[in-house]
Amino acid sequence: MNIENKSSYQVKRILGMLGISAKAGKIVCGTDATIQDIQRNKVSLVIVAENASEKTKKNIKYICDKNGVTILEFGNIDEISKTIGKSNKAIIGIKSKSLSNEIEKLIKENGGDLLHG
């Protein structure tokens, strides 16, 4: 889902949910930390930035598929990082099942889809 093609209101809602998740301490960010928490069954949803490297996408998709975790592409590294108050984060793991469900619903309503590849 390319953010430039979506309504700014809907994108702000999604980014807002990511920000709320971060403030509530319900996320993990970065490839290594996210993979660790996926393997510990602590992550319900993974969001990967559209401009993440293909190697990163392939690696995180493999881990998510192996562990039954949904993975979605959304936004770009700068927008996601700014929203969660970090820098250069291409991958976010959402730990709360209820927040995961809401974020997944919002992304899919706005044309987002599972990471394929």
N, C-alpha and C. Protein backbone atom coordinates (compact mmCIF):
# COMPACT_ATOMS: atom_id res chain seq x y z
N MET A 1 0.85 -1.17 0.00
CA MET A 1 0.00 0.00 0.00
C MET A 1 0.89 1.22 0.00
N ASN A 2 0.77 2.03 -1.00
CA ASN A 2 1.56 3.25 -1.10
C ASN A 2 0.81 4.36 -0.39
N ILE A 3 1.43 4.95 0.61
CA ILE A 3 0.77 5.96 1.42
C ILE A 3 0.31 7.15 0.58
N GLU A 4 1.08 7.53 -0.42
CA GLU A 4 0.73 8.68 -1.24
C GLU A 4 -0.61 8.48 -1.96
N ASN A 5 -1.01 7.25 -2.19
CA ASN A 5 -2.25 6.96 -2.91
C ASN A 5 -3.47 6.82 -2.02
N LYS A 6 -3.32 6.90 -0.74
CA LYS A 6 -4.42 6.69 0.18
C LYS A 6 -4.85 8.00 0.82
N SER A 7 -6.06 8.03 1.31
CA SER A 7 -6.54 9.25 1.96
C SER A 7 -5.68 9.54 3.18
N SER A 8 -5.34 10.79 3.36
CA SER A 8 -4.47 11.15 4.48
C SER A 8 -5.14 10.85 5.82
N TYR A 9 -6.47 10.94 5.87
CA TYR A 9 -7.18 10.63 7.11
C TYR A 9 -6.96 9.18 7.52
N GLN A 10 -7.12 8.26 6.58
CA GLN A 10 -6.97 6.84 6.88
C GLN A 10 -5.53 6.50 7.25
N VAL A 11 -4.59 7.10 6.54
CA VAL A 11 -3.18 6.86 6.84
C VAL A 11 -2.85 7.38 8.23
N LYS A 12 -3.38 8.55 8.58
CA LYS A 12 -3.16 9.11 9.92
C LYS A 12 -3.75 8.20 10.99
N ARG A 13 -4.88 7.57 10.71
CA ARG A 13 -5.48 6.63 11.67
C ARG A 13 -4.55 5.45 11.91
N ILE A 14 -4.00 4.91 10.83
CA ILE A 14 -3.10 3.76 10.95
C ILE A 14 -1.84 4.16 11.71
N LEU A 15 -1.24 5.27 11.31
CA LEU A 15 -0.03 5.74 11.99
C LEU A 15 -0.34 6.06 13.45
N GLY A 16 -1.52 6.60 13.70
CA GLY A 16 -1.94 6.89 15.08
C GLY A 16 -2.02 5.64 15.91
N MET A 17 -2.55 4.57 15.34
CA MET A 17 -2.63 3.29 16.06
C MET A 17 -1.23 2.75 16.35
N LEU A 18 -0.32 2.92 15.40
CA LEU A 18 1.06 2.48 15.63
C LEU A 18 1.70 3.30 16.76
N GLY A 19 1.42 4.60 16.76
CA GLY A 19 1.93 5.47 17.83
C GLY A 19 1.38 5.09 19.18
N ILE A 20 0.09 4.82 19.24
CA ILE A 20 -0.55 4.38 20.49
C ILE A 20 0.08 3.07 20.98
N SER A 21 0.29 2.16 20.05
CA SER A 21 0.91 0.87 20.40
C SER A 21 2.30 1.08 20.98
N ALA A 22 3.06 2.00 20.38
CA ALA A 22 4.42 2.27 20.85
C ALA A 22 4.39 2.88 22.25
N LYS A 23 3.51 3.86 22.45
CA LYS A 23 3.42 4.52 23.75
C LYS A 23 2.96 3.56 24.84
N ALA A 24 2.17 2.58 24.45
CA ALA A 24 1.67 1.60 25.42
C ALA A 24 2.70 0.49 25.67
N GLY A 25 3.82 0.54 24.97
CA GLY A 25 4.84 -0.49 25.14
C GLY A 25 4.46 -1.82 24.53
N LYS A 26 3.60 -1.77 23.52
CA LYS A 26 3.08 -3.00 22.91
C LYS A 26 3.72 -3.30 21.56
N ILE A 27 4.91 -2.74 21.31
CA ILE A 27 5.60 -3.04 20.06
C ILE A 27 7.02 -3.48 20.35
N VAL A 28 7.60 -4.10 19.36
CA VAL A 28 9.03 -4.37 19.31
C VAL A 28 9.46 -3.91 17.93
N CYS A 29 10.63 -3.29 17.84
CA CYS A 29 11.05 -2.80 16.54
C CYS A 29 12.47 -3.22 16.22
N GLY A 30 12.74 -3.29 14.93
CA GLY A 30 14.02 -3.76 14.45
C GLY A 30 13.94 -5.24 14.12
N THR A 31 14.74 -5.65 13.17
CA THR A 31 14.68 -7.03 12.68
C THR A 31 15.01 -8.05 13.76
N ASP A 32 16.15 -7.91 14.41
CA ASP A 32 16.59 -8.92 15.37
C ASP A 32 15.64 -9.05 16.56
N ALA A 33 15.26 -7.92 17.14
CA ALA A 33 14.35 -7.94 18.30
C ALA A 33 12.99 -8.51 17.92
N THR A 34 12.50 -8.15 16.73
CA THR A 34 11.20 -8.66 16.29
C THR A 34 11.25 -10.16 16.07
N ILE A 35 12.31 -10.63 15.44
CA ILE A 35 12.46 -12.08 15.22
C ILE A 35 12.50 -12.82 16.55
N GLN A 36 13.24 -12.30 17.51
CA GLN A 36 13.29 -12.94 18.83
C GLN A 36 11.91 -13.06 19.44
N ASP A 37 11.14 -11.97 19.39
CA ASP A 37 9.81 -12.00 20.00
C ASP A 37 8.83 -12.86 19.21
N ILE A 38 8.99 -12.94 17.90
CA ILE A 38 8.16 -13.85 17.10
C ILE A 38 8.41 -15.28 17.56
N GLN A 39 9.66 -15.64 17.71
CA GLN A 39 10.02 -17.01 18.11
C GLN A 39 9.58 -17.32 19.54
N ARG A 40 9.38 -16.31 20.35
CA ARG A 40 8.89 -16.48 21.72
C ARG A 40 7.36 -16.36 21.81
N ASN A 41 6.71 -16.29 20.64
CA ASN A 41 5.25 -16.17 20.55
C ASN A 41 4.72 -14.92 21.24
N LYS A 42 5.45 -13.82 21.17
CA LYS A 42 5.02 -12.57 21.79
C LYS A 42 4.47 -11.57 20.79
N VAL A 43 4.53 -11.88 19.49
CA VAL A 43 4.12 -10.94 18.45
C VAL A 43 2.91 -11.48 17.70
N SER A 44 1.89 -10.62 17.53
CA SER A 44 0.66 -11.01 16.82
C SER A 44 0.64 -10.54 15.36
N LEU A 45 1.36 -9.46 15.08
CA LEU A 45 1.36 -8.87 13.74
C LEU A 45 2.70 -8.21 13.49
N VAL A 46 3.21 -8.37 12.27
CA VAL A 46 4.44 -7.69 11.88
C VAL A 46 4.12 -6.75 10.73
N ILE A 47 4.63 -5.53 10.84
CA ILE A 47 4.51 -4.55 9.77
C ILE A 47 5.90 -4.27 9.25
N VAL A 48 6.05 -4.38 7.94
CA VAL A 48 7.33 -4.12 7.30
C VAL A 48 7.16 -2.95 6.34
N ALA A 49 8.09 -2.03 6.36
CA ALA A 49 8.04 -0.86 5.49
C ALA A 49 8.19 -1.29 4.03
N GLU A 50 7.47 -0.60 3.16
CA GLU A 50 7.54 -0.92 1.73
C GLU A 50 8.93 -0.74 1.17
N ASN A 51 9.70 0.19 1.72
CA ASN A 51 11.03 0.44 1.19
C ASN A 51 12.13 -0.30 1.97
N ALA A 52 11.74 -1.31 2.74
CA ALA A 52 12.73 -2.19 3.38
C ALA A 52 13.42 -2.99 2.28
N SER A 53 14.63 -3.43 2.55
CA SER A 53 15.36 -4.20 1.53
C SER A 53 14.64 -5.52 1.26
N GLU A 54 14.85 -6.03 0.06
CA GLU A 54 14.22 -7.30 -0.31
C GLU A 54 14.74 -8.44 0.57
N LYS A 55 16.00 -8.38 0.96
CA LYS A 55 16.57 -9.40 1.85
C LYS A 55 15.86 -9.37 3.20
N THR A 56 15.65 -8.17 3.74
CA THR A 56 14.95 -8.03 5.02
C THR A 56 13.54 -8.58 4.91
N LYS A 57 12.83 -8.21 3.85
CA LYS A 57 11.46 -8.69 3.65
C LYS A 57 11.42 -10.21 3.56
N LYS A 58 12.34 -10.77 2.80
CA LYS A 58 12.38 -12.23 2.62
C LYS A 58 12.64 -12.93 3.95
N ASN A 59 13.61 -12.43 4.72
CA ASN A 59 13.96 -13.05 6.00
C ASN A 59 12.80 -12.98 7.00
N ILE A 60 12.19 -11.80 7.14
CA ILE A 60 11.11 -11.66 8.11
C ILE A 60 9.88 -12.44 7.67
N LYS A 61 9.63 -12.51 6.37
CA LYS A 61 8.49 -13.29 5.88
C LYS A 61 8.69 -14.77 6.20
N TYR A 62 9.89 -15.27 6.02
CA TYR A 62 10.17 -16.67 6.32
C TYR A 62 9.89 -16.98 7.80
N ILE A 63 10.38 -16.11 8.68
CA ILE A 63 10.18 -16.31 10.13
C ILE A 63 8.69 -16.23 10.48
N CYS A 64 7.99 -15.25 9.89
CA CYS A 64 6.55 -15.09 10.18
C CYS A 64 5.76 -16.29 9.68
N ASP A 65 6.06 -16.74 8.46
CA ASP A 65 5.36 -17.91 7.90
C ASP A 65 5.60 -19.14 8.77
N LYS A 66 6.83 -19.32 9.20
CA LYS A 66 7.21 -20.47 10.02
C LYS A 66 6.49 -20.47 11.37
N ASN A 67 6.21 -19.27 11.89
CA ASN A 67 5.60 -19.14 13.22
C ASN A 67 4.13 -18.73 13.19
N GLY A 68 3.53 -18.66 12.00
CA GLY A 68 2.11 -18.36 11.89
C GLY A 68 1.74 -16.93 12.27
N VAL A 69 2.62 -15.97 11.99
CA VAL A 69 2.37 -14.57 12.31
C VAL A 69 2.05 -13.82 11.03
N THR A 70 0.99 -13.03 11.06
CA THR A 70 0.60 -12.22 9.90
C THR A 70 1.63 -11.12 9.68
N ILE A 71 1.96 -10.87 8.42
CA ILE A 71 2.91 -9.82 8.07
C ILE A 71 2.30 -8.96 6.97
N LEU A 72 2.31 -7.65 7.19
CA LEU A 72 1.74 -6.70 6.24
C LEU A 72 2.78 -5.65 5.87
N GLU A 73 2.69 -5.17 4.62
CA GLU A 73 3.51 -4.05 4.17
C GLU A 73 2.72 -2.77 4.35
N PHE A 74 3.38 -1.76 4.91
CA PHE A 74 2.71 -0.48 5.09
C PHE A 74 3.74 0.62 5.26
N GLY A 75 3.54 1.73 4.59
CA GLY A 75 4.33 2.93 4.80
C GLY A 75 5.78 2.81 4.40
N ASN A 76 6.56 3.79 4.82
CA ASN A 76 7.98 3.74 4.56
C ASN A 76 8.75 3.89 5.87
N ILE A 77 10.02 3.64 5.80
CA ILE A 77 10.85 3.60 7.00
C ILE A 77 10.77 4.92 7.77
N ASP A 78 10.87 6.04 7.06
CA ASP A 78 10.86 7.34 7.75
C ASP A 78 9.55 7.59 8.49
N GLU A 79 8.42 7.31 7.84
CA GLU A 79 7.12 7.56 8.47
C GLU A 79 6.89 6.65 9.67
N ILE A 80 7.21 5.39 9.51
CA ILE A 80 7.03 4.44 10.61
C ILE A 80 7.93 4.81 11.77
N SER A 81 9.20 5.09 11.48
CA SER A 81 10.16 5.43 12.53
C SER A 81 9.73 6.66 13.30
N LYS A 82 9.31 7.69 12.59
CA LYS A 82 8.87 8.93 13.23
C LYS A 82 7.66 8.66 14.13
N THR A 83 6.74 7.85 13.66
CA THR A 83 5.52 7.54 14.41
C THR A 83 5.81 6.86 15.74
N ILE A 84 6.79 5.97 15.75
CA ILE A 84 7.09 5.23 16.98
C ILE A 84 8.21 5.88 17.80
N GLY A 85 8.72 7.01 17.32
CA GLY A 85 9.74 7.73 18.07
C GLY A 85 11.12 7.10 18.01
N LYS A 86 11.41 6.41 16.94
CA LYS A 86 12.72 5.76 16.74
C LYS A 86 13.29 6.23 15.42
N SER A 87 14.47 5.74 15.08
CA SER A 87 15.03 6.09 13.78
C SER A 87 15.40 4.82 13.02
N ASN A 88 15.19 4.87 11.73
CA ASN A 88 15.59 3.82 10.80
C ASN A 88 15.04 2.43 11.17
N LYS A 89 13.74 2.35 11.42
CA LYS A 89 13.10 1.07 11.74
C LYS A 89 12.19 0.65 10.60
N ALA A 90 12.53 -0.47 9.98
CA ALA A 90 11.77 -0.99 8.84
C ALA A 90 10.76 -2.04 9.26
N ILE A 91 10.94 -2.59 10.46
CA ILE A 91 10.08 -3.68 10.92
C ILE A 91 9.57 -3.37 12.32
N ILE A 92 8.25 -3.58 12.49
CA ILE A 92 7.62 -3.41 13.79
C ILE A 92 6.81 -4.66 14.08
N GLY A 93 6.95 -5.17 15.28
CA GLY A 93 6.11 -6.27 15.74
C GLY A 93 5.11 -5.74 16.76
N ILE A 94 3.84 -6.04 16.57
CA ILE A 94 2.79 -5.62 17.50
C ILE A 94 2.52 -6.78 18.46
N LYS A 95 2.64 -6.50 19.76
CA LYS A 95 2.50 -7.55 20.77
C LYS A 95 1.07 -7.74 21.25
N SER A 96 0.25 -6.74 21.17
CA SER A 96 -1.13 -6.83 21.66
C SER A 96 -2.03 -7.39 20.57
N LYS A 97 -2.76 -8.45 20.90
CA LYS A 97 -3.66 -9.07 19.92
C LYS A 97 -4.77 -8.10 19.50
N SER A 98 -5.35 -7.36 20.44
CA SER A 98 -6.43 -6.44 20.10
C SER A 98 -5.92 -5.29 19.22
N LEU A 99 -4.77 -4.73 19.55
CA LEU A 99 -4.19 -3.68 18.70
C LEU A 99 -3.81 -4.24 17.34
N SER A 100 -3.28 -5.45 17.32
CA SER A 100 -2.93 -6.10 16.05
C SER A 100 -4.14 -6.24 15.15
N ASN A 101 -5.24 -6.70 15.73
CA ASN A 101 -6.46 -6.88 14.94
C ASN A 101 -6.95 -5.57 14.35
N GLU A 102 -6.93 -4.50 15.15
CA GLU A 102 -7.40 -3.21 14.69
C GLU A 102 -6.49 -2.63 13.61
N ILE A 103 -5.19 -2.73 13.80
CA ILE A 103 -4.24 -2.21 12.82
C ILE A 103 -4.33 -3.00 11.52
N GLU A 104 -4.43 -4.31 11.61
CA GLU A 104 -4.56 -5.15 10.42
C GLU A 104 -5.83 -4.79 9.65
N LYS A 105 -6.93 -4.61 10.36
CA LYS A 105 -8.20 -4.24 9.74
C LYS A 105 -8.06 -2.91 9.00
N LEU A 106 -7.47 -1.91 9.65
CA LEU A 106 -7.31 -0.59 9.03
C LEU A 106 -6.42 -0.65 7.79
N ILE A 107 -5.33 -1.38 7.87
CA ILE A 107 -4.43 -1.48 6.72
C ILE A 107 -5.13 -2.18 5.56
N LYS A 108 -5.82 -3.28 5.83
CA LYS A 108 -6.51 -4.01 4.76
C LYS A 108 -7.65 -3.20 4.16
N GLU A 109 -8.37 -2.41 4.98
CA GLU A 109 -9.44 -1.55 4.47
C GLU A 109 -8.90 -0.51 3.50
N ASN A 110 -7.64 -0.17 3.65
CA ASN A 110 -7.03 0.85 2.82
C ASN A 110 -6.15 0.28 1.71
N GLY A 111 -6.40 -0.95 1.35
CA GLY A 111 -5.72 -1.55 0.21
C GLY A 111 -4.42 -2.26 0.56
N GLY A 112 -4.06 -2.30 1.83
CA GLY A 112 -2.86 -3.02 2.22
C GLY A 112 -3.08 -4.51 2.09
N ASP A 113 -2.00 -5.25 2.00
CA ASP A 113 -2.12 -6.68 1.80
C ASP A 113 -0.97 -7.39 2.51
N LEU A 114 -1.10 -8.69 2.55
CA LEU A 114 -0.04 -9.51 3.13
C LEU A 114 1.23 -9.33 2.30
N LEU A 115 2.34 -9.48 2.95
CA LEU A 115 3.62 -9.42 2.23
C LEU A 115 3.75 -10.68 1.41
N HIS A 116 3.95 -10.53 0.13
CA HIS A 116 4.11 -11.67 -0.77
C HIS A 116 5.56 -11.73 -1.23
N GLY A 117 6.00 -12.91 -1.57
CA GLY A 117 7.36 -13.00 -2.10
C GLY A 117 8.03 -14.26 -1.74
